[in-house]
N, C-alpha and C. Protein backbone atom coordinates (compact mmCIF):
# COMPACT_ATOMS: atom_id res chain seq x y z
N MET A 1 0.84 -1.22 -0.03
CA MET A 1 0.02 0.00 0.00
C MET A 1 0.88 1.28 -0.02
N ALA A 2 1.91 1.21 0.84
CA ALA A 2 2.76 2.39 0.92
C ALA A 2 3.44 2.71 -0.45
N THR A 3 3.83 1.57 -1.11
CA THR A 3 4.43 1.77 -2.49
C THR A 3 3.47 2.32 -3.40
N GLU A 4 2.22 1.81 -3.34
CA GLU A 4 1.22 2.33 -4.30
C GLU A 4 0.87 3.77 -4.07
N LYS A 5 0.83 4.13 -2.74
CA LYS A 5 0.57 5.55 -2.42
C LYS A 5 1.66 6.49 -2.88
N LYS A 6 2.86 5.99 -2.73
CA LYS A 6 4.12 6.79 -3.09
C LYS A 6 4.05 6.95 -4.64
N SER A 7 3.64 5.90 -5.37
CA SER A 7 3.52 5.95 -6.83
C SER A 7 2.54 6.93 -7.26
N GLN A 8 1.41 6.92 -6.51
CA GLN A 8 0.22 7.89 -6.86
C GLN A 8 0.77 9.32 -6.59
N ASP A 9 1.46 9.49 -5.53
CA ASP A 9 1.90 10.88 -5.15
C ASP A 9 2.89 11.40 -6.19
N SER A 10 3.76 10.43 -6.73
CA SER A 10 4.71 10.80 -7.81
C SER A 10 4.01 11.19 -9.01
N LEU A 11 2.95 10.44 -9.41
CA LEU A 11 2.17 10.76 -10.53
C LEU A 11 1.50 12.18 -10.43
N LYS A 12 1.04 12.44 -9.20
CA LYS A 12 0.37 13.76 -9.01
C LYS A 12 1.34 14.86 -9.06
N THR A 13 2.55 14.60 -8.61
CA THR A 13 3.58 15.60 -8.73
C THR A 13 4.02 15.93 -10.12
N ILE A 14 4.07 14.83 -10.95
CA ILE A 14 4.46 14.98 -12.33
C ILE A 14 3.27 15.74 -13.12
N GLU A 15 2.07 15.32 -12.75
CA GLU A 15 0.89 15.96 -13.41
C GLU A 15 0.84 17.47 -13.07
N THR A 16 1.12 17.80 -11.79
CA THR A 16 1.13 19.16 -11.36
C THR A 16 2.21 19.92 -12.17
N SER A 17 3.42 19.35 -12.22
CA SER A 17 4.47 20.03 -12.98
C SER A 17 4.18 20.21 -14.40
N MET A 18 3.58 19.20 -15.04
CA MET A 18 3.16 19.27 -16.40
C MET A 18 2.13 20.42 -16.61
N THR A 19 1.21 20.48 -15.61
CA THR A 19 0.19 21.55 -15.71
C THR A 19 0.85 22.90 -15.65
N LYS A 20 1.78 23.06 -14.77
CA LYS A 20 2.41 24.39 -14.64
C LYS A 20 3.26 24.71 -15.89
N ILE A 21 3.80 23.65 -16.44
CA ILE A 21 4.57 23.97 -17.72
C ILE A 21 3.65 24.41 -18.81
N GLU A 22 2.50 23.72 -18.92
CA GLU A 22 1.49 24.00 -19.95
C GLU A 22 0.95 25.33 -19.75
N MET A 23 0.69 25.74 -18.46
CA MET A 23 0.18 27.09 -18.17
C MET A 23 1.28 28.21 -18.55
N PHE A 24 2.54 27.88 -18.24
CA PHE A 24 3.62 28.82 -18.59
C PHE A 24 3.70 28.99 -20.11
N ILE A 25 3.59 27.87 -20.91
CA ILE A 25 3.66 27.93 -22.29
C ILE A 25 2.54 28.70 -22.80
N GLU A 26 1.33 28.45 -22.36
CA GLU A 26 0.13 29.19 -22.82
C GLU A 26 0.25 30.60 -22.59
N LYS A 27 0.70 30.97 -21.34
CA LYS A 27 0.80 32.38 -20.92
C LYS A 27 1.88 33.15 -21.75
N ASN A 28 2.96 32.43 -22.10
CA ASN A 28 4.09 33.09 -22.73
C ASN A 28 4.22 32.61 -24.19
N LYS A 29 3.18 32.20 -24.82
CA LYS A 29 3.17 31.58 -26.08
C LYS A 29 3.81 32.48 -27.16
N LYS A 30 3.33 33.74 -27.13
CA LYS A 30 3.86 34.65 -28.22
C LYS A 30 5.30 34.93 -28.01
N VAL A 31 5.74 35.10 -26.74
CA VAL A 31 7.22 35.38 -26.52
C VAL A 31 8.07 34.19 -26.93
N LEU A 32 7.59 32.99 -26.58
CA LEU A 32 8.31 31.75 -26.93
C LEU A 32 8.38 31.60 -28.50
N ILE A 33 7.26 31.91 -29.15
CA ILE A 33 7.32 31.79 -30.60
C ILE A 33 8.24 32.76 -31.23
N TYR A 34 8.26 33.99 -30.72
CA TYR A 34 9.18 35.01 -31.25
C TYR A 34 10.66 34.61 -30.99
N THR A 35 10.84 34.10 -29.76
CA THR A 35 12.22 33.70 -29.36
C THR A 35 12.78 32.55 -30.22
N ILE A 36 11.92 31.46 -30.43
CA ILE A 36 12.28 30.38 -31.22
C ILE A 36 12.48 30.83 -32.67
N GLY A 37 11.62 31.66 -33.15
CA GLY A 37 11.78 32.19 -34.53
C GLY A 37 13.10 32.92 -34.74
N ALA A 38 13.39 33.77 -33.69
CA ALA A 38 14.63 34.58 -33.83
C ALA A 38 15.87 33.70 -33.80
N LEU A 39 15.79 32.60 -32.99
CA LEU A 39 16.92 31.66 -32.97
C LEU A 39 17.08 30.95 -34.26
N ILE A 40 15.90 30.60 -34.89
CA ILE A 40 15.99 29.89 -36.22
C ILE A 40 16.56 30.79 -37.20
N VAL A 41 16.22 32.10 -37.21
CA VAL A 41 16.74 33.07 -38.16
C VAL A 41 18.22 33.22 -37.94
N LEU A 42 18.68 33.33 -36.65
CA LEU A 42 20.09 33.56 -36.39
C LEU A 42 20.89 32.35 -36.86
N ILE A 43 20.43 31.09 -36.48
CA ILE A 43 21.11 29.94 -36.90
C ILE A 43 21.16 29.78 -38.38
N GLY A 44 20.02 30.06 -39.04
CA GLY A 44 20.03 30.01 -40.54
C GLY A 44 20.85 31.05 -41.11
N GLY A 45 20.91 32.18 -40.56
CA GLY A 45 21.76 33.27 -41.09
C GLY A 45 23.19 32.92 -40.96
N PHE A 46 23.59 32.30 -39.80
CA PHE A 46 24.96 31.90 -39.63
C PHE A 46 25.43 30.87 -40.64
N ILE A 47 24.50 29.86 -40.94
CA ILE A 47 24.85 28.81 -41.80
C ILE A 47 25.03 29.36 -43.23
N VAL A 48 24.08 30.31 -43.56
CA VAL A 48 24.13 30.90 -44.87
C VAL A 48 25.41 31.70 -45.12
N TYR A 49 25.73 32.55 -43.98
CA TYR A 49 27.00 33.35 -44.08
C TYR A 49 28.23 32.45 -44.21
N LYS A 50 28.24 31.38 -43.36
CA LYS A 50 29.42 30.52 -43.37
C LYS A 50 29.63 29.82 -44.75
N ASN A 51 28.50 29.38 -45.29
CA ASN A 51 28.60 28.56 -46.51
C ASN A 51 28.70 29.38 -47.82
N LEU A 52 28.00 30.57 -47.75
CA LEU A 52 28.00 31.41 -48.98
C LEU A 52 28.93 32.61 -48.94
N VAL A 53 29.35 32.99 -47.75
CA VAL A 53 30.18 34.16 -47.72
C VAL A 53 31.58 33.87 -47.16
N ALA A 54 31.63 33.38 -45.91
CA ALA A 54 32.85 33.18 -45.22
C ALA A 54 33.86 32.15 -45.94
N GLU A 55 33.28 30.94 -46.19
CA GLU A 55 34.12 29.96 -46.86
C GLU A 55 34.62 30.38 -48.28
N PRO A 56 33.77 30.90 -49.07
CA PRO A 56 34.28 31.36 -50.37
C PRO A 56 35.36 32.46 -50.28
N ARG A 57 35.18 33.36 -49.24
CA ARG A 57 36.18 34.38 -49.06
C ARG A 57 37.47 33.77 -48.63
N ASN A 58 37.38 32.75 -47.76
CA ASN A 58 38.57 32.08 -47.26
C ASN A 58 39.32 31.37 -48.37
N VAL A 59 38.51 30.76 -49.28
CA VAL A 59 39.20 30.06 -50.37
C VAL A 59 39.86 31.04 -51.34
N LYS A 60 39.21 32.16 -51.54
CA LYS A 60 39.79 33.23 -52.42
C LYS A 60 41.04 33.74 -51.79
N ALA A 61 41.07 33.92 -50.47
CA ALA A 61 42.27 34.35 -49.71
C ALA A 61 43.40 33.36 -49.92
N GLN A 62 43.07 32.15 -49.79
CA GLN A 62 44.10 31.11 -49.99
C GLN A 62 44.67 31.13 -51.40
N ASP A 63 43.84 31.31 -52.37
CA ASP A 63 44.35 31.40 -53.74
C ASP A 63 45.28 32.55 -53.95
N SER A 64 45.07 33.62 -53.17
CA SER A 64 45.86 34.81 -53.29
C SER A 64 47.23 34.69 -52.55
N MET A 65 47.24 33.89 -51.47
CA MET A 65 48.29 33.93 -50.54
C MET A 65 49.53 33.06 -50.85
N TRP A 66 49.31 32.06 -51.67
CA TRP A 66 50.39 31.12 -51.86
C TRP A 66 51.61 31.74 -52.55
N ARG A 67 51.37 32.75 -53.37
CA ARG A 67 52.52 33.46 -54.04
C ARG A 67 53.33 34.23 -53.02
N ALA A 68 52.61 34.91 -52.06
CA ALA A 68 53.33 35.65 -51.03
C ALA A 68 54.08 34.72 -50.14
N GLN A 69 53.54 33.50 -49.86
CA GLN A 69 54.19 32.57 -48.98
C GLN A 69 55.49 32.08 -49.68
N ARG A 70 55.48 31.91 -50.95
CA ARG A 70 56.65 31.50 -51.72
C ARG A 70 57.73 32.56 -51.57
N GLN A 71 57.34 33.79 -51.69
CA GLN A 71 58.33 34.85 -51.54
C GLN A 71 58.90 34.92 -50.12
N PHE A 72 58.06 34.61 -49.21
CA PHE A 72 58.46 34.59 -47.75
C PHE A 72 59.46 33.50 -47.54
N ALA A 73 59.24 32.27 -48.18
CA ALA A 73 60.13 31.15 -48.12
C ALA A 73 61.48 31.47 -48.69
N MET A 74 61.49 32.43 -49.73
CA MET A 74 62.76 32.83 -50.41
C MET A 74 63.42 33.97 -49.72
N ASP A 75 62.94 34.39 -48.52
CA ASP A 75 63.47 35.48 -47.79
C ASP A 75 63.21 36.88 -48.50
N SER A 76 62.26 36.87 -49.37
CA SER A 76 62.01 38.08 -50.10
C SER A 76 60.82 38.78 -49.30
N PHE A 77 61.14 39.30 -48.16
CA PHE A 77 60.13 39.70 -47.19
C PHE A 77 59.37 40.93 -47.58
N ALA A 78 60.05 41.88 -48.27
CA ALA A 78 59.39 43.15 -48.66
C ALA A 78 58.30 42.83 -49.68
N VAL A 79 58.62 42.00 -50.65
CA VAL A 79 57.61 41.61 -51.68
C VAL A 79 56.51 40.75 -51.06
N ALA A 80 56.88 39.84 -50.18
CA ALA A 80 55.89 39.07 -49.47
C ALA A 80 54.86 39.92 -48.69
N LEU A 81 55.38 40.92 -48.07
CA LEU A 81 54.60 41.85 -47.28
C LEU A 81 53.75 42.74 -48.16
N ASN A 82 54.34 43.45 -49.08
CA ASN A 82 53.64 44.45 -49.85
C ASN A 82 53.14 44.01 -51.22
N GLY A 83 53.68 42.91 -51.70
CA GLY A 83 53.27 42.40 -53.01
C GLY A 83 53.93 43.28 -54.12
N ASN A 84 53.56 42.93 -55.45
CA ASN A 84 54.05 43.64 -56.51
C ASN A 84 52.89 43.51 -57.63
N GLU A 85 53.23 43.74 -58.89
CA GLU A 85 52.27 43.75 -59.97
C GLU A 85 51.68 42.36 -60.15
N SER A 86 52.25 41.28 -59.74
CA SER A 86 51.74 39.93 -59.93
C SER A 86 51.46 39.23 -58.66
N ILE A 87 51.81 39.81 -57.50
CA ILE A 87 51.71 39.16 -56.22
C ILE A 87 50.89 40.02 -55.23
N VAL A 88 49.90 39.39 -54.61
CA VAL A 88 49.13 40.11 -53.57
C VAL A 88 49.91 39.82 -52.25
N GLY A 89 50.23 40.96 -51.58
CA GLY A 89 51.05 40.74 -50.38
C GLY A 89 50.25 40.46 -49.11
N PHE A 90 50.94 40.02 -48.10
CA PHE A 90 50.25 39.70 -46.82
C PHE A 90 49.47 40.82 -46.21
N ALA A 91 50.00 42.05 -46.33
CA ALA A 91 49.32 43.20 -45.79
C ALA A 91 47.91 43.39 -46.44
N GLU A 92 47.83 43.25 -47.70
CA GLU A 92 46.55 43.42 -48.41
C GLU A 92 45.67 42.30 -48.03
N ILE A 93 46.15 41.07 -48.03
CA ILE A 93 45.33 39.91 -47.71
C ILE A 93 44.73 39.98 -46.28
N ALA A 94 45.56 40.43 -45.37
CA ALA A 94 45.13 40.57 -43.93
C ALA A 94 44.01 41.56 -43.82
N ASP A 95 44.12 42.62 -44.65
CA ASP A 95 43.14 43.74 -44.62
C ASP A 95 41.83 43.25 -45.35
N GLU A 96 42.06 42.83 -46.59
CA GLU A 96 40.83 42.54 -47.42
C GLU A 96 40.10 41.30 -46.94
N TYR A 97 40.78 40.31 -46.39
CA TYR A 97 40.13 39.10 -45.99
C TYR A 97 40.07 38.99 -44.46
N SER A 98 40.03 40.12 -43.79
CA SER A 98 39.86 40.10 -42.30
C SER A 98 38.68 39.32 -41.85
N GLY A 99 38.79 38.50 -40.91
CA GLY A 99 37.63 37.76 -40.40
C GLY A 99 37.71 36.29 -40.92
N THR A 100 38.61 35.99 -41.88
CA THR A 100 38.76 34.64 -42.33
C THR A 100 40.04 34.03 -41.70
N ALA A 101 40.12 32.71 -41.75
CA ALA A 101 41.23 32.00 -41.18
C ALA A 101 42.47 32.36 -41.88
N THR A 102 42.42 32.50 -43.26
CA THR A 102 43.51 32.79 -44.03
C THR A 102 43.97 34.27 -43.78
N GLY A 103 43.03 35.15 -43.67
CA GLY A 103 43.32 36.56 -43.35
C GLY A 103 44.01 36.66 -42.03
N ASN A 104 43.60 35.86 -41.04
CA ASN A 104 44.24 35.85 -39.75
C ASN A 104 45.76 35.39 -39.84
N LEU A 105 45.89 34.32 -40.63
CA LEU A 105 47.29 33.80 -40.86
C LEU A 105 48.18 34.77 -41.51
N ALA A 106 47.53 35.56 -42.43
CA ALA A 106 48.26 36.60 -43.18
C ALA A 106 48.80 37.63 -42.21
N LYS A 107 48.19 37.86 -41.07
CA LYS A 107 48.65 38.83 -40.11
C LYS A 107 49.95 38.33 -39.46
N TYR A 108 50.01 37.03 -39.25
CA TYR A 108 51.23 36.40 -38.67
C TYR A 108 52.37 36.58 -39.69
N TYR A 109 52.18 36.18 -40.97
CA TYR A 109 53.16 36.37 -41.95
C TYR A 109 53.56 37.83 -42.16
N ALA A 110 52.65 38.71 -42.10
CA ALA A 110 52.89 40.16 -42.23
C ALA A 110 53.69 40.66 -41.10
N GLY A 111 53.45 40.16 -39.88
CA GLY A 111 54.18 40.53 -38.76
C GLY A 111 55.67 40.12 -38.80
N ILE A 112 55.81 38.86 -39.24
CA ILE A 112 57.22 38.39 -39.27
C ILE A 112 57.92 39.10 -40.48
N SER A 113 57.28 39.32 -41.60
CA SER A 113 57.85 39.99 -42.69
C SER A 113 58.22 41.38 -42.31
N SER A 114 57.37 42.05 -41.60
CA SER A 114 57.67 43.43 -41.10
C SER A 114 58.91 43.45 -40.21
N LEU A 115 59.02 42.51 -39.33
CA LEU A 115 60.15 42.41 -38.46
C LEU A 115 61.45 42.21 -39.28
N ARG A 116 61.37 41.43 -40.24
CA ARG A 116 62.59 41.16 -41.04
C ARG A 116 63.12 42.34 -41.95
N ILE A 117 62.22 43.23 -42.25
CA ILE A 117 62.63 44.47 -42.98
C ILE A 117 62.78 45.64 -42.11
N GLY A 118 62.74 45.44 -40.79
CA GLY A 118 62.96 46.54 -39.85
C GLY A 118 61.78 47.40 -39.53
N GLU A 119 60.58 47.03 -39.80
CA GLU A 119 59.41 47.74 -39.51
C GLU A 119 58.86 47.20 -38.18
N TYR A 120 59.51 47.62 -37.09
CA TYR A 120 59.24 46.97 -35.78
C TYR A 120 57.82 47.30 -35.26
N GLU A 121 57.49 48.55 -35.26
CA GLU A 121 56.10 48.93 -34.84
C GLU A 121 55.04 48.25 -35.60
N GLN A 122 55.23 48.23 -36.87
CA GLN A 122 54.27 47.50 -37.74
C GLN A 122 54.16 46.08 -37.40
N ALA A 123 55.39 45.45 -37.16
CA ALA A 123 55.45 44.08 -36.80
C ALA A 123 54.60 43.76 -35.54
N LEU A 124 54.77 44.64 -34.50
CA LEU A 124 54.03 44.48 -33.31
C LEU A 124 52.50 44.60 -33.54
N ASP A 125 52.10 45.50 -34.44
CA ASP A 125 50.66 45.68 -34.71
C ASP A 125 50.13 44.44 -35.33
N TYR A 126 50.76 43.88 -36.35
CA TYR A 126 50.26 42.62 -36.92
C TYR A 126 50.29 41.43 -36.03
N LEU A 127 51.33 41.27 -35.33
CA LEU A 127 51.56 40.08 -34.51
C LEU A 127 50.60 40.17 -33.35
N GLY A 128 50.31 41.36 -32.80
CA GLY A 128 49.40 41.55 -31.73
C GLY A 128 47.95 41.18 -32.08
N LYS A 129 47.66 41.28 -33.41
CA LYS A 129 46.32 40.99 -33.84
C LYS A 129 46.16 39.49 -34.24
N TYR A 130 47.21 38.77 -34.30
CA TYR A 130 47.17 37.36 -34.74
C TYR A 130 46.67 36.48 -33.56
N LYS A 131 45.58 35.81 -33.81
CA LYS A 131 45.00 34.92 -32.80
C LYS A 131 44.83 33.54 -33.39
N SER A 132 45.34 32.53 -32.68
CA SER A 132 45.21 31.15 -33.28
C SER A 132 45.30 30.16 -32.12
N ASP A 133 44.77 28.99 -32.33
CA ASP A 133 44.92 27.83 -31.48
C ASP A 133 46.14 27.05 -31.70
N ASP A 134 46.86 27.35 -32.79
CA ASP A 134 48.11 26.69 -33.11
C ASP A 134 49.25 27.13 -32.24
N GLU A 135 49.69 26.24 -31.36
CA GLU A 135 50.69 26.65 -30.41
C GLU A 135 52.02 27.09 -30.91
N ILE A 136 52.46 26.48 -32.05
CA ILE A 136 53.75 26.79 -32.63
C ILE A 136 53.72 28.18 -33.15
N THR A 137 52.90 28.51 -34.03
CA THR A 137 52.83 29.90 -34.60
C THR A 137 52.58 30.99 -33.48
N THR A 138 51.72 30.60 -32.59
CA THR A 138 51.43 31.50 -31.43
C THR A 138 52.67 31.84 -30.61
N THR A 139 53.44 30.72 -30.37
CA THR A 139 54.66 30.94 -29.66
C THR A 139 55.76 31.74 -30.47
N LEU A 140 55.81 31.43 -31.75
CA LEU A 140 56.77 32.18 -32.58
C LEU A 140 56.39 33.63 -32.68
N ALA A 141 55.01 33.89 -32.72
CA ALA A 141 54.59 35.30 -32.74
C ALA A 141 54.95 36.01 -31.49
N ILE A 142 54.76 35.38 -30.35
CA ILE A 142 55.19 36.00 -29.07
C ILE A 142 56.66 36.34 -29.04
N GLY A 143 57.43 35.31 -29.48
CA GLY A 143 58.90 35.54 -29.55
C GLY A 143 59.28 36.63 -30.54
N ALA A 144 58.60 36.69 -31.63
CA ALA A 144 58.97 37.73 -32.57
C ALA A 144 58.55 39.16 -32.06
N MET A 145 57.54 39.20 -31.30
CA MET A 145 57.20 40.48 -30.64
C MET A 145 58.29 40.82 -29.62
N GLY A 146 58.86 39.86 -29.02
CA GLY A 146 60.07 40.16 -28.16
C GLY A 146 61.20 40.64 -28.97
N ASP A 147 61.47 40.07 -30.18
CA ASP A 147 62.53 40.63 -31.00
C ASP A 147 62.19 42.12 -31.41
N ALA A 148 60.94 42.40 -31.76
CA ALA A 148 60.63 43.74 -32.09
C ALA A 148 60.85 44.73 -30.97
N HIS A 149 60.40 44.37 -29.76
CA HIS A 149 60.71 45.27 -28.63
C HIS A 149 62.16 45.35 -28.32
N SER A 150 62.88 44.26 -28.51
CA SER A 150 64.34 44.40 -28.27
C SER A 150 64.98 45.36 -29.22
N GLU A 151 64.55 45.28 -30.53
CA GLU A 151 65.11 46.24 -31.49
C GLU A 151 64.71 47.72 -31.19
N LEU A 152 63.62 47.87 -30.60
CA LEU A 152 63.14 49.24 -30.33
C LEU A 152 63.67 49.74 -28.91
N GLY A 153 64.47 48.82 -28.22
CA GLY A 153 65.11 49.21 -26.90
C GLY A 153 64.16 49.00 -25.73
N ASN A 154 63.00 48.32 -25.92
CA ASN A 154 62.14 48.06 -24.85
C ASN A 154 62.55 46.73 -24.23
N LEU A 155 63.64 46.72 -23.49
CA LEU A 155 64.26 45.44 -23.10
C LEU A 155 63.42 44.76 -22.00
N ASP A 156 62.82 45.40 -21.09
CA ASP A 156 61.99 44.75 -20.11
C ASP A 156 60.87 44.09 -20.76
N LYS A 157 60.23 44.75 -21.72
CA LYS A 157 59.11 44.08 -22.40
C LYS A 157 59.58 42.97 -23.26
N ALA A 158 60.67 43.14 -23.82
CA ALA A 158 61.23 42.04 -24.67
C ALA A 158 61.50 40.77 -23.87
N VAL A 159 62.17 40.89 -22.74
CA VAL A 159 62.53 39.76 -21.99
C VAL A 159 61.30 39.05 -21.39
N ASP A 160 60.25 39.82 -21.07
CA ASP A 160 58.97 39.27 -20.56
C ASP A 160 58.41 38.37 -21.70
N LEU A 161 58.44 38.85 -22.90
CA LEU A 161 57.83 38.11 -24.03
C LEU A 161 58.65 36.85 -24.34
N TYR A 162 60.00 36.99 -24.25
CA TYR A 162 60.86 35.75 -24.50
C TYR A 162 60.58 34.67 -23.45
N ILE A 163 60.43 35.10 -22.19
CA ILE A 163 60.10 34.13 -21.13
C ILE A 163 58.67 33.52 -21.39
N LYS A 164 57.75 34.39 -21.77
CA LYS A 164 56.41 33.91 -22.07
C LYS A 164 56.43 32.85 -23.26
N ALA A 165 57.21 33.15 -24.25
CA ALA A 165 57.35 32.26 -25.43
C ALA A 165 57.93 30.93 -25.00
N ALA A 166 59.00 31.03 -24.17
CA ALA A 166 59.70 29.87 -23.70
C ALA A 166 58.79 28.91 -22.89
N ASN A 167 57.89 29.55 -22.14
CA ASN A 167 57.01 28.72 -21.29
C ASN A 167 55.68 28.36 -21.93
N LYS A 168 55.39 28.94 -23.12
CA LYS A 168 54.16 28.69 -23.80
C LYS A 168 54.03 27.17 -24.09
N ILE A 169 55.03 26.56 -24.63
CA ILE A 169 55.00 25.16 -24.84
C ILE A 169 56.43 24.53 -24.47
N ASN A 170 56.46 23.41 -24.02
CA ASN A 170 57.71 22.80 -23.70
C ASN A 170 58.31 22.13 -24.95
N HIS A 171 58.91 23.06 -25.77
CA HIS A 171 59.28 22.61 -27.08
C HIS A 171 60.79 22.59 -27.22
N ALA A 172 61.41 21.52 -27.56
CA ALA A 172 62.89 21.36 -27.55
C ALA A 172 63.58 22.22 -28.53
N ALA A 173 62.89 22.66 -29.59
CA ALA A 173 63.50 23.56 -30.62
C ALA A 173 63.22 24.99 -30.31
N LEU A 174 62.16 25.36 -29.64
CA LEU A 174 61.70 26.73 -29.51
C LEU A 174 62.11 27.22 -28.09
N SER A 175 61.84 26.50 -27.09
CA SER A 175 62.04 26.99 -25.73
C SER A 175 63.47 27.48 -25.47
N PRO A 176 64.48 26.62 -25.79
CA PRO A 176 65.93 26.96 -25.58
C PRO A 176 66.30 28.23 -26.30
N ARG A 177 65.72 28.43 -27.50
CA ARG A 177 66.07 29.58 -28.30
C ARG A 177 65.61 30.85 -27.58
N PHE A 178 64.36 30.89 -27.08
CA PHE A 178 63.90 32.05 -26.38
C PHE A 178 64.47 32.24 -24.93
N LEU A 179 64.79 31.14 -24.26
CA LEU A 179 65.56 31.19 -23.03
C LEU A 179 66.86 31.86 -23.24
N MET A 180 67.51 31.53 -24.30
CA MET A 180 68.84 32.06 -24.57
C MET A 180 68.78 33.55 -24.83
N LYS A 181 67.77 33.99 -25.59
CA LYS A 181 67.49 35.43 -25.89
C LYS A 181 67.17 36.21 -24.55
N ALA A 182 66.38 35.49 -23.72
CA ALA A 182 66.04 36.09 -22.44
C ALA A 182 67.30 36.24 -21.56
N GLY A 183 68.17 35.23 -21.57
CA GLY A 183 69.37 35.37 -20.79
C GLY A 183 70.28 36.53 -21.21
N GLY A 184 70.35 36.68 -22.58
CA GLY A 184 71.10 37.85 -23.11
C GLY A 184 70.60 39.19 -22.67
N ILE A 185 69.28 39.32 -22.71
CA ILE A 185 68.71 40.55 -22.25
C ILE A 185 68.84 40.74 -20.80
N TYR A 186 68.72 39.75 -20.07
CA TYR A 186 68.91 39.91 -18.55
C TYR A 186 70.33 40.32 -18.28
N GLU A 187 71.28 39.80 -18.99
CA GLU A 187 72.63 40.31 -18.80
C GLU A 187 72.76 41.77 -19.13
N LYS A 188 72.18 42.20 -20.20
CA LYS A 188 72.16 43.65 -20.56
C LYS A 188 71.51 44.51 -19.40
N LEU A 189 70.50 43.93 -18.83
CA LEU A 189 69.87 44.69 -17.75
C LEU A 189 70.52 44.52 -16.42
N GLY A 190 71.57 43.82 -16.37
CA GLY A 190 72.33 43.65 -15.09
C GLY A 190 71.69 42.67 -14.14
N LYS A 191 70.77 41.83 -14.68
CA LYS A 191 70.13 40.87 -13.78
C LYS A 191 70.72 39.47 -14.00
N LYS A 192 71.92 39.34 -13.41
CA LYS A 192 72.65 38.13 -13.70
C LYS A 192 72.04 36.88 -13.02
N ASP A 193 71.33 37.06 -11.92
CA ASP A 193 70.62 35.93 -11.32
C ASP A 193 69.54 35.35 -12.23
N LYS A 194 68.84 36.22 -12.94
CA LYS A 194 67.77 35.71 -13.82
C LYS A 194 68.40 35.17 -15.07
N ALA A 195 69.46 35.82 -15.54
CA ALA A 195 70.21 35.28 -16.68
C ALA A 195 70.69 33.81 -16.35
N LEU A 196 71.23 33.66 -15.13
CA LEU A 196 71.74 32.34 -14.75
C LEU A 196 70.57 31.35 -14.70
N ALA A 197 69.43 31.75 -14.23
CA ALA A 197 68.26 30.85 -14.17
C ALA A 197 67.88 30.35 -15.53
N ALA A 198 67.85 31.33 -16.51
CA ALA A 198 67.54 31.02 -17.91
C ALA A 198 68.48 30.05 -18.56
N TYR A 199 69.78 30.30 -18.28
CA TYR A 199 70.85 29.41 -18.86
C TYR A 199 70.73 28.00 -18.13
N ASN A 200 70.58 27.96 -16.92
CA ASN A 200 70.50 26.71 -16.16
C ASN A 200 69.31 25.86 -16.64
N GLU A 201 68.17 26.56 -17.02
CA GLU A 201 67.05 25.84 -17.49
C GLU A 201 67.38 25.14 -18.81
N ILE A 202 68.15 25.91 -19.66
CA ILE A 202 68.57 25.28 -20.96
C ILE A 202 69.41 24.00 -20.66
N LYS A 203 70.34 24.18 -19.71
CA LYS A 203 71.24 23.14 -19.36
C LYS A 203 70.56 21.88 -18.82
N THR A 204 69.56 22.08 -17.97
CA THR A 204 68.85 20.94 -17.27
C THR A 204 67.79 20.39 -18.09
N LYS A 205 66.94 21.24 -18.75
CA LYS A 205 65.78 20.75 -19.42
C LYS A 205 65.96 20.43 -20.90
N PHE A 206 66.95 21.07 -21.50
CA PHE A 206 67.09 20.91 -22.94
C PHE A 206 68.55 20.68 -23.27
N SER A 207 69.17 19.71 -22.64
CA SER A 207 70.46 19.31 -22.79
C SER A 207 70.96 18.94 -24.17
N SER A 208 69.90 18.43 -24.97
CA SER A 208 70.23 17.97 -26.33
C SER A 208 70.08 19.12 -27.33
N ALA A 209 69.63 20.33 -26.98
CA ALA A 209 69.45 21.42 -27.88
C ALA A 209 70.69 22.01 -28.30
N PRO A 210 70.85 22.54 -29.49
CA PRO A 210 72.08 23.24 -29.94
C PRO A 210 72.53 24.29 -28.93
N GLU A 211 71.55 25.01 -28.38
CA GLU A 211 71.88 26.09 -27.35
C GLU A 211 72.59 25.64 -26.12
N ALA A 212 72.44 24.25 -25.89
CA ALA A 212 73.09 23.69 -24.65
C ALA A 212 74.52 23.36 -24.88
N GLU A 213 75.01 23.33 -26.14
CA GLU A 213 76.35 22.85 -26.38
C GLU A 213 77.35 23.73 -25.74
N GLN A 214 77.17 25.03 -25.74
CA GLN A 214 78.16 25.98 -25.11
C GLN A 214 77.52 26.77 -23.99
N ILE A 215 76.50 26.22 -23.43
CA ILE A 215 75.79 27.02 -22.40
C ILE A 215 76.64 27.19 -21.14
N GLU A 216 77.56 26.23 -20.97
CA GLU A 216 78.44 26.27 -19.71
C GLU A 216 79.19 27.64 -19.67
N LYS A 217 79.70 28.08 -20.82
CA LYS A 217 80.51 29.29 -20.82
C LYS A 217 79.60 30.50 -20.39
N TYR A 218 78.35 30.51 -20.80
CA TYR A 218 77.46 31.55 -20.41
C TYR A 218 77.10 31.52 -18.89
N ILE A 219 77.02 30.19 -18.37
CA ILE A 219 76.78 30.10 -16.96
C ILE A 219 77.97 30.64 -16.11
N ILE A 220 79.15 30.21 -16.58
CA ILE A 220 80.40 30.72 -15.93
C ILE A 220 80.43 32.26 -15.94
N ARG A 221 80.16 32.80 -17.06
CA ARG A 221 80.24 34.28 -17.27
C ARG A 221 79.44 35.00 -16.28
N VAL A 222 78.15 34.59 -16.10
CA VAL A 222 77.15 35.26 -15.22
C VAL A 222 77.50 35.04 -13.72
N GLN A 223 78.25 34.00 -13.45
CA GLN A 223 78.60 33.67 -12.16
C GLN A 223 79.78 34.47 -11.67
N GLN A 224 80.49 35.09 -12.49
CA GLN A 224 81.74 35.78 -12.18
C GLN A 224 81.41 37.16 -11.46
């Protein structure tokens, strides 16, 4: 009997809840219809934009960028950045195709190219706008911003970025490079203890890296 009564009570509770839900729906029917309609329009609009606008633009950007990438690979950074009569440069692609994945990648290339031709402020602008889930290019972008600040004489900012890049990913090819740069800046700033920490990290964590081959002499130097 107790089980039957409990079951009946549960059914009453469910019925009461269903009644309340039905009353709420009836009371707010117009609002719910408008809300659902708006969501359908938004979702439909997003799908249309992605398939008919964003993806075609991204494909067009890719078709434009490969020539600039080839110039970049050949160290022809000015042409890669600014283009010429037959090549669309990274700067134009980043601007014209802003909002696409390829346009975003063009900002990275434009930043590195600007750095290579000595346009340090411009490099910082492009690299600061580059956003990606790719840890390698993100780390390289951070390190490149450190290079730009170093060239501009902003040593404190530069070393912070080098340390950030070194710690971004535990990468045997990248982390020692940025730790080495950080150590050099720390020495310029007279912060030998921090330089020593950077060099020791290369020695202990990245002993097989090229930077570790002669790291002992740097350690000895900052200990004197």
